[in-house]
Amino acid sequence: MNPAMTADPLAATAETARTRRRRRLDWTTVASYALLLVLAVIYVGPMLMLVNTALKTTPEFAKDPVALTATFSIENFAEAWDKADFPRYLVNTVMYAAIATTVYLAAAFPLSVAIARRFVRGWNWLYLLFVIALFLPIALIPQFQLILNLHLYNTQVGYILLFLTNPIGVLILVGYIRTIPRELDEAAALEGSGYLRYLVRIVLPLTKPALATVAILHAIGVWNELVLANIYLTNQAYFPITRGLIVFTGIYGNDWPLLSAAVLMLAAPMVVLYLFLQRYIIGGFTAGSLRG
């Protein structure tokens, strides 16, 4: 029998198999992109709706809330800026977010190093407590009583203290620090490096992606907080910007175009912060998930 005649059917079979795999791969790719497109529409749709509403006049919105705007009015942004007292409330919000995030990172970073490197007894129990804290609701009544007993109700210091507990930040830092080689610890010990120098000169530079991730998540939480601001702050001089959005609500309905413009202005600083830190944030999430 001719070997060429034997090889041809085998080659044809192999080519047919490759063609089927290629077609199956093409359909899988198309389905994946279709799913991503649907998810993108679901995610971006409300944001586009918010922008469309912010560019409408109040009569245009009342006539057809879901139609595309024909006026493209930017007067809503200027009116919302003045009506919500943005300058004063924005300063308060920036101060709350900056101080709370800085103090939280200063406390969470050495704690996370101690847990990740097992420098303290019962490190596993400490880690378990932070995991459990993720699933516990906020204890508003004990928290409120504590703030009252400390005479910190309706004070800026008391409001900032409310944001110094965040278990997810510690868990992210612990997971990331565990990926740092332990040989660096041994090298620092051989060089006679002290603990503080070890934290600042060795661990801190390597933990920048995780710290950026925790910083942006914590700052967004403080920036968008509304419930605690309504409970613990009654002095208008201490209100954050989210508290100022209540001026757009009324008995007979909300002023949706002004409220949409105010929400966009409220979200803009966090979007800019994310754009500056996104490369660190992505690195912090991916590297921190490599080791539990």
C-alpha atoms as a PDB file:
ATOM      1  CA  MET A   1       0.000   0.000   0.000  1.00  0.00           C
ATOM      2  CA  ASN A   2       1.256   3.470  -0.883  1.00  0.00           C
ATOM      3  CA  PRO A   3       2.280   5.422   2.278  1.00  0.00           C
ATOM      4  CA  ALA A   4       1.056   8.647   0.702  1.00  0.00           C
ATOM      5  CA  MET A   5      -2.447   7.229   0.401  1.00  0.00           C
ATOM      6  CA  THR A   6      -2.313   6.269   4.093  1.00  0.00           C
ATOM      7  CA  ALA A   7      -1.065   9.689   5.203  1.00  0.00           C
ATOM      8  CA  ASP A   8      -3.663  11.675   3.261  1.00  0.00           C
ATOM      9  CA  PRO A   9      -6.704  10.440   5.254  1.00  0.00           C
ATOM     10  CA  LEU A  10      -4.840  11.096   8.503  1.00  0.00           C
ATOM     11  CA  ALA A  11      -3.927  14.604   7.398  1.00  0.00           C
ATOM     12  CA  ALA A  12      -7.482  15.263   6.290  1.00  0.00           C
ATOM     13  CA  THR A  13      -8.818  14.051   9.645  1.00  0.00           C
ATOM     14  CA  ALA A  14      -6.371  16.271  11.521  1.00  0.00           C
ATOM     15  CA  GLU A  15      -7.301  19.276   9.378  1.00  0.00           C
ATOM     16  CA  THR A  16     -11.003  18.622   9.982  1.00  0.00           C
ATOM     17  CA  ALA A  17     -10.409  18.484  13.728  1.00  0.00           C
ATOM     18  CA  ARG A  18      -8.470  21.761  13.622  1.00  0.00           C
ATOM     19  CA  THR A  19     -11.259  23.404  11.629  1.00  0.00           C
ATOM     20  CA  ARG A  20     -13.874  22.276  14.150  1.00  0.00           C
ATOM     21  CA  ARG A  21     -11.778  23.565  17.038  1.00  0.00           C
ATOM     22  CA  ARG A  22     -11.287  26.872  15.255  1.00  0.00           C
ATOM     23  CA  ARG A  23     -15.023  27.257  14.655  1.00  0.00           C
ATOM     24  CA  ARG A  24     -15.774  26.327  18.259  1.00  0.00           C
ATOM     25  CA  LEU A  25     -13.186  28.870  19.407  1.00  0.00           C
ATOM     26  CA  ASP A  26     -14.711  31.538  17.170  1.00  0.00           C
ATOM     27  CA  TRP A  27     -18.184  30.963  18.594  1.00  0.00           C
ATOM     28  CA  THR A  28     -16.775  31.034  22.134  1.00  0.00           C
ATOM     29  CA  THR A  29     -15.052  34.332  21.410  1.00  0.00           C
ATOM     30  CA  VAL A  30     -18.215  35.825  19.915  1.00  0.00           C
ATOM     31  CA  ALA A  31     -20.273  34.692  22.904  1.00  0.00           C
ATOM     32  CA  SER A  32     -17.701  36.119  25.325  1.00  0.00           C
ATOM     33  CA  TYR A  33     -17.676  39.500  23.621  1.00  0.00           C
ATOM     34  CA  ALA A  34     -21.479  39.521  23.480  1.00  0.00           C
ATOM     35  CA  LEU A  35     -21.671  38.850  27.208  1.00  0.00           C
ATOM     36  CA  LEU A  36     -19.128  41.583  27.916  1.00  0.00           C
ATOM     37  CA  LEU A  37     -21.119  43.997  25.753  1.00  0.00           C
ATOM     38  CA  VAL A  38     -24.319  43.239  27.663  1.00  0.00           C
ATOM     39  CA  LEU A  39     -22.552  43.728  30.999  1.00  0.00           C
ATOM     40  CA  ALA A  40     -21.034  46.991  29.758  1.00  0.00           C
ATOM     41  CA  VAL A  41     -24.457  48.295  28.750  1.00  0.00           C
ATOM     42  CA  ILE A  42     -25.892  47.308  32.141  1.00  0.00           C
ATOM     43  CA  TYR A  43     -23.035  49.050  33.934  1.00  0.00           C
ATOM     44  CA  VAL A  44     -22.624  52.150  31.752  1.00  0.00           C
ATOM     45  CA  GLY A  45     -26.342  52.609  31.001  1.00  0.00           C
ATOM     46  CA  PRO A  46     -27.282  54.227  34.340  1.00  0.00           C
ATOM     47  CA  MET A  47     -24.254  56.531  34.139  1.00  0.00           C
ATOM     48  CA  LEU A  48     -25.239  57.683  30.641  1.00  0.00           C
ATOM     49  CA  MET A  49     -28.797  58.174  31.895  1.00  0.00           C
ATOM     50  CA  LEU A  50     -27.434  60.315  34.727  1.00  0.00           C
ATOM     51  CA  VAL A  51     -25.430  62.475  32.315  1.00  0.00           C
ATOM     52  CA  ASN A  52     -28.423  62.803  29.992  1.00  0.00           C
ATOM     53  CA  THR A  53     -30.660  63.930  32.875  1.00  0.00           C
ATOM     54  CA  ALA A  54     -28.066  66.432  34.122  1.00  0.00           C
ATOM     55  CA  LEU A  55     -28.021  68.117  30.697  1.00  0.00           C
ATOM     56  CA  LYS A  56     -31.806  68.572  30.584  1.00  0.00           C
ATOM     57  CA  THR A  57     -33.880  71.483  31.766  1.00  0.00           C
ATOM     58  CA  THR A  58     -36.572  70.784  34.334  1.00  0.00           C
ATOM     59  CA  PRO A  59     -39.466  71.250  31.841  1.00  0.00           C
ATOM     60  CA  GLU A  60     -37.714  68.991  29.322  1.00  0.00           C
ATOM     61  CA  PHE A  61     -37.239  66.308  31.973  1.00  0.00           C
ATOM     62  CA  ALA A  62     -40.883  66.569  33.065  1.00  0.00           C
ATOM     63  CA  LYS A  63     -42.018  66.187  29.463  1.00  0.00           C
ATOM     64  CA  ASP A  64     -40.020  62.990  28.764  1.00  0.00           C
ATOM     65  CA  PRO A  65     -37.552  61.757  31.435  1.00  0.00           C
ATOM     66  CA  VAL A  66     -35.950  59.021  29.293  1.00  0.00           C
ATOM     67  CA  ALA A  67     -35.628  60.836  25.955  1.00  0.00           C
ATOM     68  CA  LEU A  68     -32.268  62.137  24.792  1.00  0.00           C
ATOM     69  CA  THR A  69     -31.690  65.758  25.685  1.00  0.00           C
ATOM     70  CA  ALA A  70     -32.035  68.378  22.983  1.00  0.00           C
ATOM     71  CA  THR A  71     -30.863  71.379  24.996  1.00  0.00           C
ATOM     72  CA  PHE A  72     -27.531  70.199  26.439  1.00  0.00           C
ATOM     73  CA  SER A  73     -27.860  72.797  29.191  1.00  0.00           C
ATOM     74  CA  ILE A  74     -24.924  73.135  31.590  1.00  0.00           C
ATOM     75  CA  GLU A  75     -26.713  75.656  33.795  1.00  0.00           C
ATOM     76  CA  ASN A  76     -27.740  72.812  36.112  1.00  0.00           C
ATOM     77  CA  PHE A  77     -24.127  72.394  37.240  1.00  0.00           C
ATOM     78  CA  ALA A  78     -23.733  76.059  38.193  1.00  0.00           C
ATOM     79  CA  GLU A  79     -27.097  76.140  39.952  1.00  0.00           C
ATOM     80  CA  ALA A  80     -26.413  72.888  41.810  1.00  0.00           C
ATOM     81  CA  TRP A  81     -22.982  74.190  42.878  1.00  0.00           C
ATOM     82  CA  ASP A  82     -24.579  77.207  44.566  1.00  0.00           C
ATOM     83  CA  LYS A  83     -27.744  75.559  45.863  1.00  0.00           C
ATOM     84  CA  ALA A  84     -25.962  72.636  47.563  1.00  0.00           C
ATOM     85  CA  ASP A  85     -23.257  74.944  49.014  1.00  0.00           C
ATOM     86  CA  PHE A  86     -20.616  72.818  47.320  1.00  0.00           C
ATOM     87  CA  PRO A  87     -17.536  74.900  48.246  1.00  0.00           C
ATOM     88  CA  ARG A  88     -18.037  74.602  52.024  1.00  0.00           C
ATOM     89  CA  TYR A  89     -19.265  71.005  52.065  1.00  0.00           C
ATOM     90  CA  LEU A  90     -16.591  69.918  49.590  1.00  0.00           C
ATOM     91  CA  VAL A  91     -13.831  71.179  51.901  1.00  0.00           C
ATOM     92  CA  ASN A  92     -15.351  69.171  54.769  1.00  0.00           C
ATOM     93  CA  THR A  93     -15.574  66.019  52.656  1.00  0.00           C
ATOM     94  CA  VAL A  94     -11.982  66.314  51.429  1.00  0.00           C
ATOM     95  CA  MET A  95     -10.813  66.786  55.016  1.00  0.00           C
ATOM     96  CA  TYR A  96     -12.804  63.781  56.285  1.00  0.00           C
ATOM     97  CA  ALA A  97     -11.622  61.503  53.470  1.00  0.00           C
ATOM     98  CA  ALA A  98      -7.964  62.589  53.682  1.00  0.00           C
ATOM     99  CA  ILE A  99      -7.611  62.392  57.477  1.00  0.00           C
ATOM    100  CA  ALA A 100      -9.613  59.178  57.900  1.00  0.00           C
ATOM    101  CA  THR A 101      -7.735  57.421  55.087  1.00  0.00           C
ATOM    102  CA  THR A 102      -4.316  58.556  56.305  1.00  0.00           C
ATOM    103  CA  VAL A 103      -4.931  57.528  59.915  1.00  0.00           C
ATOM    104  CA  TYR A 104      -6.442  54.223  58.837  1.00  0.00           C
ATOM    105  CA  LEU A 105      -3.463  53.339  56.626  1.00  0.00           C
ATOM    106  CA  ALA A 106      -1.019  54.352  59.376  1.00  0.00           C
ATOM    107  CA  ALA A 107      -2.718  51.885  61.731  1.00  0.00           C
ATOM    108  CA  ALA A 108      -3.610  49.113  59.265  1.00  0.00           C
ATOM    109  CA  PHE A 109      -0.187  48.831  57.630  1.00  0.00           C
ATOM    110  CA  PRO A 110       1.902  47.771  60.687  1.00  0.00           C
ATOM    111  CA  LEU A 111      -0.975  45.594  61.905  1.00  0.00           C
ATOM    112  CA  SER A 112      -1.130  43.819  58.544  1.00  0.00           C
ATOM    113  CA  VAL A 113       2.641  43.263  58.550  1.00  0.00           C
ATOM    114  CA  ALA A 114       2.458  41.739  62.036  1.00  0.00           C
ATOM    115  CA  ILE A 115      -0.329  39.366  60.963  1.00  0.00           C
ATOM    116  CA  ALA A 116       1.184  38.453  57.589  1.00  0.00           C
ATOM    117  CA  ARG A 117       4.653  37.786  59.049  1.00  0.00           C
ATOM    118  CA  ARG A 118       3.263  36.158  62.229  1.00  0.00           C
ATOM    119  CA  PHE A 119       5.081  38.588  64.504  1.00  0.00           C
ATOM    120  CA  VAL A 120       2.352  38.416  67.170  1.00  0.00           C
ATOM    121  CA  ARG A 121       0.838  35.505  69.030  1.00  0.00           C
ATOM    122  CA  GLY A 122      -2.617  34.557  67.907  1.00  0.00           C
ATOM    123  CA  TRP A 123      -2.098  36.080  64.472  1.00  0.00           C
ATOM    124  CA  ASN A 124      -4.423  33.477  62.975  1.00  0.00           C
ATOM    125  CA  TRP A 125      -7.194  34.447  65.393  1.00  0.00           C
ATOM    126  CA  LEU A 126      -6.713  38.117  64.576  1.00  0.00           C
ATOM    127  CA  TYR A 127      -6.977  37.344  60.888  1.00  0.00           C
ATOM    128  CA  LEU A 128     -10.113  35.286  61.519  1.00  0.00           C
ATOM    129  CA  LEU A 129     -11.685  38.181  63.420  1.00  0.00           C
ATOM    130  CA  PHE A 130     -11.217  40.481  60.448  1.00  0.00           C
ATOM    131  CA  VAL A 131     -12.737  37.874  58.140  1.00  0.00           C
ATOM    132  CA  ILE A 132     -15.755  37.517  60.443  1.00  0.00           C
ATOM    133  CA  ALA A 133     -16.097  41.312  60.637  1.00  0.00           C
ATOM    134  CA  LEU A 134     -16.765  41.363  56.887  1.00  0.00           C
ATOM    135  CA  PHE A 135     -20.077  39.597  57.421  1.00  0.00           C
ATOM    136  CA  LEU A 136     -21.243  41.494  60.508  1.00  0.00           C
ATOM    137  CA  PRO A 137     -23.676  44.413  60.211  1.00  0.00           C
ATOM    138  CA  ILE A 138     -22.737  47.831  61.534  1.00  0.00           C
ATOM    139  CA  ALA A 139     -23.576  48.050  65.252  1.00  0.00           C
ATOM    140  CA  LEU A 140     -25.204  51.478  65.047  1.00  0.00           C
ATOM    141  CA  ILE A 141     -26.706  51.535  68.564  1.00  0.00           C
ATOM    142  CA  PRO A 142     -23.513  50.572  70.472  1.00  0.00           C
ATOM    143  CA  GLN A 143     -21.528  52.841  68.174  1.00  0.00           C
ATOM    144  CA  PHE A 144     -23.903  55.721  68.850  1.00  0.00           C
ATOM    145  CA  GLN A 145     -23.726  55.158  72.609  1.00  0.00           C
ATOM    146  CA  LEU A 146     -19.926  55.076  72.464  1.00  0.00           C
ATOM    147  CA  ILE A 147     -19.750  58.377  70.578  1.00  0.00           C
ATOM    148  CA  LEU A 148     -22.156  59.955  73.079  1.00  0.00           C
ATOM    149  CA  ASN A 149     -20.164  58.730  76.098  1.00  0.00           C
ATOM    150  CA  LEU A 150     -16.955  60.074  74.579  1.00  0.00           C
ATOM    151  CA  HIS A 151     -18.703  63.464  74.081  1.00  0.00           C
ATOM    152  CA  LEU A 152     -17.863  63.341  70.391  1.00  0.00           C
ATOM    153  CA  TYR A 153     -21.398  63.562  69.015  1.00  0.00           C
ATOM    154  CA  ASN A 154     -21.799  66.298  66.396  1.00  0.00           C
ATOM    155  CA  THR A 155     -18.050  66.831  66.187  1.00  0.00           C
ATOM    156  CA  GLN A 156     -15.699  66.417  63.263  1.00  0.00           C
ATOM    157  CA  VAL A 157     -13.314  64.279  65.316  1.00  0.00           C
ATOM    158  CA  GLY A 158     -16.093  61.871  66.272  1.00  0.00           C
ATOM    159  CA  TYR A 159     -17.253  61.631  62.663  1.00  0.00           C
ATOM    160  CA  ILE A 160     -13.732  60.807  61.462  1.00  0.00           C
ATOM    161  CA  LEU A 161     -13.323  58.121  64.141  1.00  0.00           C
ATOM    162  CA  LEU A 162     -16.290  56.270  62.641  1.00  0.00           C
ATOM    163  CA  PHE A 163     -14.217  55.423  59.554  1.00  0.00           C
ATOM    164  CA  LEU A 164     -11.158  53.953  61.271  1.00  0.00           C
ATOM    165  CA  THR A 165     -12.512  50.389  61.165  1.00  0.00           C
ATOM    166  CA  ASN A 166     -12.419  48.655  57.801  1.00  0.00           C
ATOM    167  CA  PRO A 167     -11.676  44.902  57.765  1.00  0.00           C
ATOM    168  CA  ILE A 168     -11.403  44.575  53.996  1.00  0.00           C
ATOM    169  CA  GLY A 169      -8.404  46.911  53.939  1.00  0.00           C
ATOM    170  CA  VAL A 170      -6.479  44.790  56.438  1.00  0.00           C
ATOM    171  CA  LEU A 171      -7.287  41.610  54.528  1.00  0.00           C
ATOM    172  CA  ILE A 172      -6.042  43.123  51.246  1.00  0.00           C
ATOM    173  CA  LEU A 173      -2.807  44.266  52.872  1.00  0.00           C
ATOM    174  CA  VAL A 174      -2.226  40.924  54.598  1.00  0.00           C
ATOM    175  CA  GLY A 175      -2.759  39.020  51.352  1.00  0.00           C
ATOM    176  CA  TYR A 176      -0.363  41.275  49.481  1.00  0.00           C
ATOM    177  CA  ILE A 177       2.374  41.305  52.146  1.00  0.00           C
ATOM    178  CA  ARG A 178       2.386  37.501  52.164  1.00  0.00           C
ATOM    179  CA  THR A 179       3.579  37.603  48.543  1.00  0.00           C
ATOM    180  CA  ILE A 180       6.743  39.513  49.523  1.00  0.00           C
ATOM    181  CA  PRO A 181       9.673  37.048  49.815  1.00  0.00           C
ATOM    182  CA  ARG A 182      10.751  36.272  53.360  1.00  0.00           C
ATOM    183  CA  GLU A 183      14.387  36.411  52.257  1.00  0.00           C
ATOM    184  CA  LEU A 184      14.081  40.195  52.515  1.00  0.00           C
ATOM    185  CA  ASP A 185      13.249  39.822  56.219  1.00  0.00           C
ATOM    186  CA  GLU A 186      16.341  37.704  56.739  1.00  0.00           C
ATOM    187  CA  ALA A 187      18.516  40.182  54.835  1.00  0.00           C
ATOM    188  CA  ALA A 188      17.189  43.064  56.954  1.00  0.00           C
ATOM    189  CA  ALA A 189      17.879  41.112  60.146  1.00  0.00           C
ATOM    190  CA  LEU A 190      21.450  40.315  59.056  1.00  0.00           C
ATOM    191  CA  GLU A 191      22.085  43.998  58.360  1.00  0.00           C
ATOM    192  CA  GLY A 192      20.862  44.897  61.847  1.00  0.00           C
ATOM    193  CA  SER A 193      17.878  46.851  60.590  1.00  0.00           C
ATOM    194  CA  GLY A 194      15.401  47.904  63.283  1.00  0.00           C
ATOM    195  CA  TYR A 195      11.712  47.093  63.053  1.00  0.00           C
ATOM    196  CA  LEU A 196      10.648  50.630  62.127  1.00  0.00           C
ATOM    197  CA  ARG A 197      13.340  50.861  59.453  1.00  0.00           C
ATOM    198  CA  TYR A 198      12.333  47.432  58.188  1.00  0.00           C
ATOM    199  CA  LEU A 199       8.729  48.646  57.765  1.00  0.00           C
ATOM    200  CA  VAL A 200       9.583  51.976  56.138  1.00  0.00           C
ATOM    201  CA  ARG A 201      12.573  51.060  53.968  1.00  0.00           C
ATOM    202  CA  ILE A 202      11.719  47.511  52.886  1.00  0.00           C
ATOM    203  CA  VAL A 203       8.037  46.606  53.239  1.00  0.00           C
ATOM    204  CA  LEU A 204       6.438  49.990  52.561  1.00  0.00           C
ATOM    205  CA  PRO A 205       7.904  50.550  49.048  1.00  0.00           C
ATOM    206  CA  LEU A 206       6.928  47.033  48.001  1.00  0.00           C
ATOM    207  CA  THR A 207       3.380  47.466  49.319  1.00  0.00           C
ATOM    208  CA  LYS A 208       2.498  50.622  47.353  1.00  0.00           C
ATOM    209  CA  PRO A 209       0.004  48.863  45.012  1.00  0.00           C
ATOM    210  CA  ALA A 210      -1.931  47.384  47.943  1.00  0.00           C
ATOM    211  CA  LEU A 211      -1.802  50.657  49.882  1.00  0.00           C
ATOM    212  CA  ALA A 212      -3.136  52.543  46.864  1.00  0.00           C
ATOM    213  CA  THR A 213      -5.948  50.004  46.518  1.00  0.00           C
ATOM    214  CA  VAL A 214      -6.935  50.299  50.160  1.00  0.00           C
ATOM    215  CA  ALA A 215      -6.608  54.095  50.062  1.00  0.00           C
ATOM    216  CA  ILE A 216      -8.975  54.528  47.117  1.00  0.00           C
ATOM    217  CA  LEU A 217     -11.520  52.061  48.510  1.00  0.00           C
ATOM    218  CA  HIS A 218     -11.467  53.711  51.936  1.00  0.00           C
ATOM    219  CA  ALA A 219     -11.612  57.235  50.518  1.00  0.00           C
ATOM    220  CA  ILE A 220     -14.581  56.343  48.316  1.00  0.00           C
ATOM    221  CA  GLY A 221     -16.382  54.903  51.352  1.00  0.00           C
ATOM    222  CA  VAL A 222     -15.867  58.124  53.323  1.00  0.00           C
ATOM    223  CA  TRP A 223     -16.677  60.312  50.318  1.00  0.00           C
ATOM    224  CA  ASN A 224     -20.020  58.630  49.581  1.00  0.00           C
ATOM    225  CA  GLU A 225     -21.205  58.180  53.172  1.00  0.00           C
ATOM    226  CA  LEU A 226     -24.663  59.606  53.875  1.00  0.00           C
ATOM    227  CA  VAL A 227     -26.254  57.554  56.664  1.00  0.00           C
ATOM    228  CA  LEU A 228     -23.618  58.325  59.298  1.00  0.00           C
ATOM    229  CA  ALA A 229     -23.618  61.990  58.320  1.00  0.00           C
ATOM    230  CA  ASN A 230     -27.358  62.160  58.981  1.00  0.00           C
ATOM    231  CA  ILE A 231     -27.011  60.429  62.352  1.00  0.00           C
ATOM    232  CA  TYR A 232     -23.902  61.987  63.876  1.00  0.00           C
ATOM    233  CA  LEU A 233     -23.802  65.504  62.408  1.00  0.00           C
ATOM    234  CA  THR A 234     -26.445  68.177  63.026  1.00  0.00           C
ATOM    235  CA  ASN A 235     -24.316  71.304  62.618  1.00  0.00           C
ATOM    236  CA  GLN A 236     -24.438  72.491  59.007  1.00  0.00           C
ATOM    237  CA  ALA A 237     -20.863  73.730  59.282  1.00  0.00           C
ATOM    238  CA  TYR A 238     -19.733  70.088  59.600  1.00  0.00           C
ATOM    239  CA  PHE A 239     -21.866  68.574  56.816  1.00  0.00           C
ATOM    240  CA  PRO A 240     -20.140  66.551  54.060  1.00  0.00           C
ATOM    241  CA  ILE A 241     -21.144  67.070  50.458  1.00  0.00           C
ATOM    242  CA  THR A 242     -23.493  64.069  50.441  1.00  0.00           C
ATOM    243  CA  ARG A 243     -25.522  65.767  53.177  1.00  0.00           C
ATOM    244  CA  GLY A 244     -25.870  68.803  50.933  1.00  0.00           C
ATOM    245  CA  LEU A 245     -27.634  66.744  48.254  1.00  0.00           C
ATOM    246  CA  ILE A 246     -30.733  66.622  50.457  1.00  0.00           C
ATOM    247  CA  VAL A 247     -31.600  70.200  49.410  1.00  0.00           C
ATOM    248  CA  PHE A 248     -32.696  68.809  46.038  1.00  0.00           C
ATOM    249  CA  THR A 249     -35.414  66.661  47.616  1.00  0.00           C
ATOM    250  CA  GLY A 250     -38.862  68.056  48.252  1.00  0.00           C
ATOM    251  CA  ILE A 251     -42.338  67.145  49.409  1.00  0.00           C
ATOM    252  CA  TYR A 252     -43.717  67.186  45.887  1.00  0.00           C
ATOM    253  CA  GLY A 253     -40.780  65.432  44.238  1.00  0.00           C
ATOM    254  CA  ASN A 254     -37.086  65.756  43.553  1.00  0.00           C
ATOM    255  CA  ASP A 255     -35.400  68.185  41.205  1.00  0.00           C
ATOM    256  CA  TRP A 256     -33.814  65.396  39.168  1.00  0.00           C
ATOM    257  CA  PRO A 257     -31.784  67.483  36.670  1.00  0.00           C
ATOM    258  CA  LEU A 258     -30.138  69.482  39.467  1.00  0.00           C
ATOM    259  CA  LEU A 259     -29.651  66.353  41.576  1.00  0.00           C
ATOM    260  CA  SER A 260     -28.035  64.523  38.645  1.00  0.00           C
ATOM    261  CA  ALA A 261     -25.652  67.408  38.029  1.00  0.00           C
ATOM    262  CA  ALA A 262     -24.733  67.479  41.717  1.00  0.00           C
ATOM    263  CA  VAL A 263     -24.099  63.723  41.776  1.00  0.00           C
ATOM    264  CA  LEU A 264     -21.788  63.996  38.757  1.00  0.00           C
ATOM    265  CA  MET A 265     -19.815  66.780  40.421  1.00  0.00           C
ATOM    266  CA  LEU A 266     -19.671  64.704  43.592  1.00  0.00           C
ATOM    267  CA  ALA A 267     -18.283  61.676  41.723  1.00  0.00           C
ATOM    268  CA  ALA A 268     -15.744  63.609  39.625  1.00  0.00           C
ATOM    269  CA  PRO A 269     -12.943  63.866  42.258  1.00  0.00           C
ATOM    270  CA  MET A 270     -13.049  60.123  42.988  1.00  0.00           C
ATOM    271  CA  VAL A 271     -12.937  59.340  39.263  1.00  0.00           C
ATOM    272  CA  VAL A 272      -9.847  61.539  38.874  1.00  0.00           C
ATOM    273  CA  LEU A 273      -8.225  59.904  41.900  1.00  0.00           C
ATOM    274  CA  TYR A 274      -8.913  56.457  40.455  1.00  0.00           C
ATOM    275  CA  LEU A 275      -7.392  57.426  37.093  1.00  0.00           C
ATOM    276  CA  PHE A 276      -4.180  58.471  38.829  1.00  0.00           C
ATOM    277  CA  LEU A 277      -3.988  55.333  40.981  1.00  0.00           C
ATOM    278  CA  GLN A 278      -5.480  52.705  38.678  1.00  0.00           C
ATOM    279  CA  ARG A 279      -2.175  51.010  37.817  1.00  0.00           C
ATOM    280  CA  TYR A 280      -1.445  50.573  41.531  1.00  0.00           C
ATOM    281  CA  ILE A 281      -4.999  49.416  42.235  1.00  0.00           C
ATOM    282  CA  ILE A 282      -4.955  46.705  39.566  1.00  0.00           C
ATOM    283  CA  GLY A 283      -1.556  45.528  40.777  1.00  0.00           C
ATOM    284  CA  GLY A 284      -2.756  45.442  44.368  1.00  0.00           C
ATOM    285  CA  PHE A 285      -5.776  43.309  43.564  1.00  0.00           C
ATOM    286  CA  THR A 286      -3.990  40.843  41.297  1.00  0.00           C
ATOM    287  CA  ALA A 287      -0.838  40.365  43.344  1.00  0.00           C
ATOM    288  CA  GLY A 288      -2.711  40.206  46.625  1.00  0.00           C
ATOM    289  CA  SER A 289      -4.864  37.373  45.337  1.00  0.00           C
ATOM    290  CA  LEU A 290      -1.982  35.064  44.484  1.00  0.00           C
ATOM    291  CA  ARG A 291      -1.541  33.830  48.015  1.00  0.00           C
ATOM    292  CA  GLY A 292      -4.121  33.532  50.779  1.00  0.00           C
END
